[in-house]
Amino acid sequence: MPSNTTGTGGNRGDSHKYDYMQLLSEFRLVLRNFDWMDEALCRGRKDLDFFPEESYNGAAARAVAVCNVCPVREDCLEFAVENGIRYGIWGGLNHPQRKRYLRNSLKKGTL
């Protein structure tokens, strides 16, 4: 990945910097309407790490706290689930949590 960060990539040293838009471009996206992203509270936040390492540390908890009050949290979560995004915190959930959310939603028939 490029060494510059854009958006919500966080900053954990050169080997762990993410280019948020590059990451998005790597996915074959289901949702084509990105207007909701303009209202996301994480937009442009370089002070928080939305792509933490495997462990769910204090930095990730601060990012999730932003998600919990975000007006587009549901849109963000839906985007990540529908597109099978495996990295980062989306809609307040990390990848294993999104997998459980999807599994439970499919069982309930709510997705």
C-alpha atoms as a PDB file:
ATOM      1  CA  MET A   1       0.000   0.000   0.000  1.00  0.00           C
ATOM      2  CA  PRO A   2       1.154   3.575  -0.482  1.00  0.00           C
ATOM      3  CA  SER A   3       2.786   5.230   2.472  1.00  0.00           C
ATOM      4  CA  ASN A   4       0.373   8.162   2.525  1.00  0.00           C
ATOM      5  CA  THR A   5      -2.873   7.890   4.438  1.00  0.00           C
ATOM      6  CA  THR A   6      -6.214   9.179   3.330  1.00  0.00           C
ATOM      7  CA  GLY A   7      -9.451   9.181   5.279  1.00  0.00           C
ATOM      8  CA  THR A   8      -9.661   6.836   8.249  1.00  0.00           C
ATOM      9  CA  GLY A   9      -6.560   4.701   7.839  1.00  0.00           C
ATOM     10  CA  GLY A  10      -4.895   5.527  11.122  1.00  0.00           C
ATOM     11  CA  ASN A  11      -1.174   5.731  11.622  1.00  0.00           C
ATOM     12  CA  ARG A  12       0.758   2.776  13.025  1.00  0.00           C
ATOM     13  CA  GLY A  13       4.116   3.205  11.314  1.00  0.00           C
ATOM     14  CA  ASP A  14       5.156   2.911   7.691  1.00  0.00           C
ATOM     15  CA  SER A  15       4.358  -0.784   7.330  1.00  0.00           C
ATOM     16  CA  HIS A  16       0.775  -0.323   8.571  1.00  0.00           C
ATOM     17  CA  LYS A  17      -0.433   2.802   6.806  1.00  0.00           C
ATOM     18  CA  TYR A  18      -3.503   2.419   4.643  1.00  0.00           C
ATOM     19  CA  ASP A  19      -4.835   4.446   1.772  1.00  0.00           C
ATOM     20  CA  TYR A  20      -8.567   4.295   2.487  1.00  0.00           C
ATOM     21  CA  MET A  21      -9.680   5.008  -1.085  1.00  0.00           C
ATOM     22  CA  GLN A  22      -7.201   2.464  -2.492  1.00  0.00           C
ATOM     23  CA  LEU A  23      -8.631  -0.130  -0.123  1.00  0.00           C
ATOM     24  CA  LEU A  24     -12.161   0.621  -1.313  1.00  0.00           C
ATOM     25  CA  SER A  25     -11.115   0.394  -4.950  1.00  0.00           C
ATOM     26  CA  GLU A  26      -9.932  -3.178  -4.395  1.00  0.00           C
ATOM     27  CA  PHE A  27     -13.453  -4.401  -3.689  1.00  0.00           C
ATOM     28  CA  ARG A  28     -16.081  -5.246  -6.256  1.00  0.00           C
ATOM     29  CA  LEU A  29     -18.720  -3.065  -4.692  1.00  0.00           C
ATOM     30  CA  VAL A  30     -22.389  -3.984  -4.525  1.00  0.00           C
ATOM     31  CA  LEU A  31     -23.588  -0.600  -3.340  1.00  0.00           C
ATOM     32  CA  ARG A  32     -23.013   2.132  -5.879  1.00  0.00           C
ATOM     33  CA  ASN A  33     -24.445   5.052  -3.924  1.00  0.00           C
ATOM     34  CA  PHE A  34     -21.778   6.515  -1.657  1.00  0.00           C
ATOM     35  CA  ASP A  35     -23.656   9.677  -0.614  1.00  0.00           C
ATOM     36  CA  TRP A  36     -23.999   8.386   2.926  1.00  0.00           C
ATOM     37  CA  MET A  37     -20.213   8.528   3.299  1.00  0.00           C
ATOM     38  CA  ASP A  38     -20.365  12.341   3.206  1.00  0.00           C
ATOM     39  CA  GLU A  39     -22.198  12.268   6.548  1.00  0.00           C
ATOM     40  CA  ALA A  40     -19.953   9.689   8.209  1.00  0.00           C
ATOM     41  CA  LEU A  41     -18.356  10.965  11.409  1.00  0.00           C
ATOM     42  CA  CYS A  42     -15.178   9.037  10.575  1.00  0.00           C
ATOM     43  CA  ARG A  43     -14.680  10.916   7.310  1.00  0.00           C
ATOM     44  CA  GLY A  44     -11.275  12.578   7.372  1.00  0.00           C
ATOM     45  CA  ARG A  45     -10.477  11.393  10.904  1.00  0.00           C
ATOM     46  CA  LYS A  46      -6.784  10.572  10.954  1.00  0.00           C
ATOM     47  CA  ASP A  47      -6.677  10.614  14.736  1.00  0.00           C
ATOM     48  CA  LEU A  48      -8.582   7.323  15.024  1.00  0.00           C
ATOM     49  CA  ASP A  49      -7.667   3.862  13.786  1.00  0.00           C
ATOM     50  CA  PHE A  50     -10.533   2.187  11.923  1.00  0.00           C
ATOM     51  CA  PHE A  51      -8.177  -0.521  10.623  1.00  0.00           C
ATOM     52  CA  PRO A  52      -6.660  -1.932  13.830  1.00  0.00           C
ATOM     53  CA  GLU A  53      -4.448  -4.976  14.079  1.00  0.00           C
ATOM     54  CA  GLU A  54      -6.120  -8.289  14.884  1.00  0.00           C
ATOM     55  CA  SER A  55      -6.489  -7.475  18.570  1.00  0.00           C
ATOM     56  CA  TYR A  56      -9.345  -5.244  19.586  1.00  0.00           C
ATOM     57  CA  ASN A  57      -7.429  -2.636  21.574  1.00  0.00           C
ATOM     58  CA  GLY A  58      -8.232   0.709  23.174  1.00  0.00           C
ATOM     59  CA  ALA A  59      -7.666   2.552  19.913  1.00  0.00           C
ATOM     60  CA  ALA A  60     -10.320   0.412  18.232  1.00  0.00           C
ATOM     61  CA  ALA A  61     -12.706   1.091  21.104  1.00  0.00           C
ATOM     62  CA  ARG A  62     -12.362   4.842  20.487  1.00  0.00           C
ATOM     63  CA  ALA A  63     -13.141   4.313  16.804  1.00  0.00           C
ATOM     64  CA  VAL A  64     -16.201   2.211  17.670  1.00  0.00           C
ATOM     65  CA  ALA A  65     -17.389   4.973  20.011  1.00  0.00           C
ATOM     66  CA  VAL A  66     -17.487   7.321  17.005  1.00  0.00           C
ATOM     67  CA  CYS A  67     -19.461   4.720  15.037  1.00  0.00           C
ATOM     68  CA  ASN A  68     -21.965   4.327  17.863  1.00  0.00           C
ATOM     69  CA  VAL A  69     -23.120   7.940  17.488  1.00  0.00           C
ATOM     70  CA  CYS A  70     -22.732   8.200  13.717  1.00  0.00           C
ATOM     71  CA  PRO A  71     -25.901   9.087  11.775  1.00  0.00           C
ATOM     72  CA  VAL A  72     -25.003   6.667   8.954  1.00  0.00           C
ATOM     73  CA  ARG A  73     -23.925   3.693  11.064  1.00  0.00           C
ATOM     74  CA  GLU A  74     -26.521   1.343   9.567  1.00  0.00           C
ATOM     75  CA  ASP A  75     -25.605   2.360   5.994  1.00  0.00           C
ATOM     76  CA  CYS A  76     -21.943   1.756   6.769  1.00  0.00           C
ATOM     77  CA  LEU A  77     -22.601  -1.658   8.293  1.00  0.00           C
ATOM     78  CA  GLU A  78     -24.832  -2.637   5.371  1.00  0.00           C
ATOM     79  CA  PHE A  79     -22.145  -1.533   2.931  1.00  0.00           C
ATOM     80  CA  ALA A  80     -19.490  -3.677   4.613  1.00  0.00           C
ATOM     81  CA  VAL A  81     -21.719  -6.738   4.913  1.00  0.00           C
ATOM     82  CA  GLU A  82     -23.063  -6.570   1.353  1.00  0.00           C
ATOM     83  CA  ASN A  83     -19.577  -6.133  -0.059  1.00  0.00           C
ATOM     84  CA  GLY A  84     -17.889  -8.750   2.114  1.00  0.00           C
ATOM     85  CA  ILE A  85     -15.328  -6.309   3.458  1.00  0.00           C
ATOM     86  CA  ARG A  86     -12.950  -8.241   5.672  1.00  0.00           C
ATOM     87  CA  TYR A  87     -10.844  -5.421   7.103  1.00  0.00           C
ATOM     88  CA  GLY A  88     -11.492  -2.567   9.441  1.00  0.00           C
ATOM     89  CA  ILE A  89     -14.314  -1.316  11.567  1.00  0.00           C
ATOM     90  CA  TRP A  90     -17.471  -0.547   9.616  1.00  0.00           C
ATOM     91  CA  GLY A  91     -20.732   0.368  11.299  1.00  0.00           C
ATOM     92  CA  GLY A  92     -19.073  -0.161  14.665  1.00  0.00           C
ATOM     93  CA  LEU A  93     -18.207  -3.824  14.023  1.00  0.00           C
ATOM     94  CA  ASN A  94     -14.988  -5.593  13.106  1.00  0.00           C
ATOM     95  CA  HIS A  95     -14.941  -8.461  10.589  1.00  0.00           C
ATOM     96  CA  PRO A  96     -15.742 -11.342  13.006  1.00  0.00           C
ATOM     97  CA  GLN A  97     -18.577  -9.282  14.497  1.00  0.00           C
ATOM     98  CA  ARG A  98     -19.943  -8.529  11.010  1.00  0.00           C
ATOM     99  CA  LYS A  99     -19.862 -12.241  10.166  1.00  0.00           C
ATOM    100  CA  ARG A 100     -21.936 -12.982  13.290  1.00  0.00           C
ATOM    101  CA  TYR A 101     -24.282 -10.103  12.439  1.00  0.00           C
ATOM    102  CA  LEU A 102     -24.779 -11.502   8.921  1.00  0.00           C
ATOM    103  CA  ARG A 103     -25.314 -15.048  10.182  1.00  0.00           C
ATOM    104  CA  ASN A 104     -27.867 -13.889  12.772  1.00  0.00           C
ATOM    105  CA  SER A 105     -29.637 -11.624  10.279  1.00  0.00           C
ATOM    106  CA  LEU A 106     -29.947 -14.472   7.781  1.00  0.00           C
ATOM    107  CA  LYS A 107     -31.360 -16.769  10.485  1.00  0.00           C
ATOM    108  CA  LYS A 108     -33.924 -14.135  11.457  1.00  0.00           C
ATOM    109  CA  GLY A 109     -34.691 -13.304   7.840  1.00  0.00           C
ATOM    110  CA  THR A 110     -33.963  -9.618   8.408  1.00  0.00           C
ATOM    111  CA  LEU A 111     -31.375  -9.307   5.687  1.00  0.00           C
END
